Protein backbone atom coordinates (compact mmCIF):
# COMPACT_ATOMS: atom_id res chain seq x y z
CA UNK A 1 109.07 142.97 72.98
CA UNK A 2 108.27 144.02 76.55
CA UNK A 3 104.87 142.33 76.37
CA UNK A 4 106.62 139.05 75.52
CA UNK A 5 109.24 139.15 78.30
CA UNK A 6 107.43 140.81 81.20
CA UNK A 7 105.41 137.72 82.26
CA UNK A 8 108.64 135.73 82.74
CA UNK A 9 110.23 138.58 84.66
CA UNK A 10 107.18 138.79 86.93
CA UNK A 11 107.33 135.04 87.54
CA UNK A 12 111.05 135.29 88.45
CA UNK A 13 110.48 138.51 90.43
CA UNK A 14 113.47 140.10 88.70
CA UNK A 15 114.38 141.81 85.48
CA UNK A 16 115.49 145.03 83.88
CA UNK A 17 113.89 146.75 80.89
CA UNK A 18 115.86 149.47 79.12
CA UNK A 19 114.07 151.89 76.79
CA UNK A 20 115.98 154.15 74.40
CA UNK A 21 114.61 157.68 74.29
CA UNK A 22 116.25 161.01 73.56
CA UNK A 23 116.79 164.39 75.13
CA UNK A 24 114.22 165.42 72.50
CA UNK A 25 111.75 163.77 74.87
CA UNK A 26 112.73 166.24 77.57
CA UNK A 27 112.95 169.48 75.55
CA UNK A 28 111.51 170.36 72.16
CA UNK A 29 113.18 172.11 69.26
CA UNK A 30 111.88 173.88 66.13
CA UNK A 31 110.39 171.60 63.46
CA UNK A 32 110.86 168.57 65.68
CA UNK A 33 107.24 168.26 66.80
CA UNK A 34 106.55 164.65 65.71
CA UNK A 35 109.99 163.34 66.71
CA UNK A 36 109.88 165.12 70.06
CA UNK A 37 106.34 163.87 70.71
CA UNK A 38 107.39 160.28 70.06
CA UNK A 39 110.32 160.64 72.45
CA UNK A 40 108.06 162.19 75.10
CA UNK A 41 105.93 159.04 74.69
CA UNK A 42 108.99 156.85 75.40
CA UNK A 43 109.59 158.90 78.56
CA UNK A 44 105.98 158.49 79.72
CA UNK A 45 105.95 154.78 78.86
CA UNK A 46 109.14 154.26 80.86
CA UNK A 47 107.74 156.08 83.90
CA UNK A 48 104.46 154.17 83.73
CA UNK A 49 106.17 150.80 83.34
CA UNK A 50 108.44 151.62 86.27
CA UNK A 51 105.43 152.33 88.51
CA UNK A 52 103.67 149.13 87.44
CA UNK A 53 106.67 146.77 87.49
CA UNK A 54 108.73 147.89 90.49
CA UNK A 55 106.47 145.98 92.92
CA UNK A 56 107.45 142.84 90.97
CA UNK A 57 111.19 143.48 91.36
CA UNK A 58 111.58 144.67 87.75
CA UNK A 59 113.63 147.79 87.06
CA UNK A 60 112.77 150.04 84.13
CA UNK A 61 115.38 152.48 82.84
CA UNK A 62 115.46 154.99 80.01
CA UNK A 63 118.64 156.03 78.22
CA UNK A 64 118.17 159.46 76.65
CA UNK A 65 121.19 160.37 74.50
CA UNK A 66 121.75 164.00 73.59
CA UNK A 67 123.30 165.57 70.53
CA UNK A 68 125.11 163.04 68.39
CA UNK A 69 126.42 163.19 64.85
CA UNK A 70 124.50 160.42 63.11
CA UNK A 71 123.14 159.78 59.63
CA UNK A 72 119.64 160.58 60.94
CA UNK A 73 120.81 163.97 62.18
CA UNK A 74 122.47 164.70 58.84
CA UNK A 75 119.27 163.91 56.92
CA UNK A 76 117.04 165.66 59.47
CA UNK A 77 119.03 168.88 59.35
CA UNK A 78 119.78 169.02 55.64
CA UNK A 79 122.94 167.04 54.95
CA UNK A 80 125.98 169.25 54.48
CA UNK A 81 123.96 172.42 54.03
CA UNK A 82 123.88 175.59 56.13
CA UNK A 83 121.72 174.06 58.87
CA UNK A 84 124.31 171.34 59.53
CA UNK A 85 127.04 173.96 59.79
CA UNK A 86 124.91 176.01 62.18
CA UNK A 87 124.41 173.01 64.47
CA UNK A 88 128.10 172.08 64.28
CA UNK A 89 128.94 175.64 65.30
CA UNK A 90 126.53 175.44 68.27
CA UNK A 91 127.96 172.07 69.36
CA UNK A 92 131.49 173.44 69.19
CA UNK A 93 130.51 176.50 71.21
CA UNK A 94 128.86 174.24 73.81
CA UNK A 95 132.07 172.25 74.17
CA UNK A 96 130.28 169.06 73.15
CA UNK A 97 132.30 168.45 70.01
CA UNK A 98 135.89 167.51 70.75
CA UNK A 99 136.98 166.01 67.42
CA UNK A 100 135.58 165.61 63.90
CA UNK A 101 134.27 162.12 64.76
CA UNK A 102 133.29 162.76 68.37
CA UNK A 103 130.20 160.56 68.31
CA UNK A 104 129.73 159.14 64.83
CA UNK A 105 127.67 155.96 64.94
């Protein structure tokens, strides 16, 4: 998508590209090697694009959400099994979980 829109942004000397990463691209966790590596790539891509495009007046931003209760997380960490309960317990202890549906997407 970026490849398609960047030439127009350069011509107009303005624009803003927003990449969606994850905190998994900042810190790794057990058994998350491939997912974390892909999110590290989003981080590097964002930084490289920012360096290349800022001289053209184009901003490049990355949004890196943290822990969120999503379907992906449920599948990744074993549905309703013991791993899910362990993570829920950690989130509660961290003060990040304020209600049963705190960040369901």
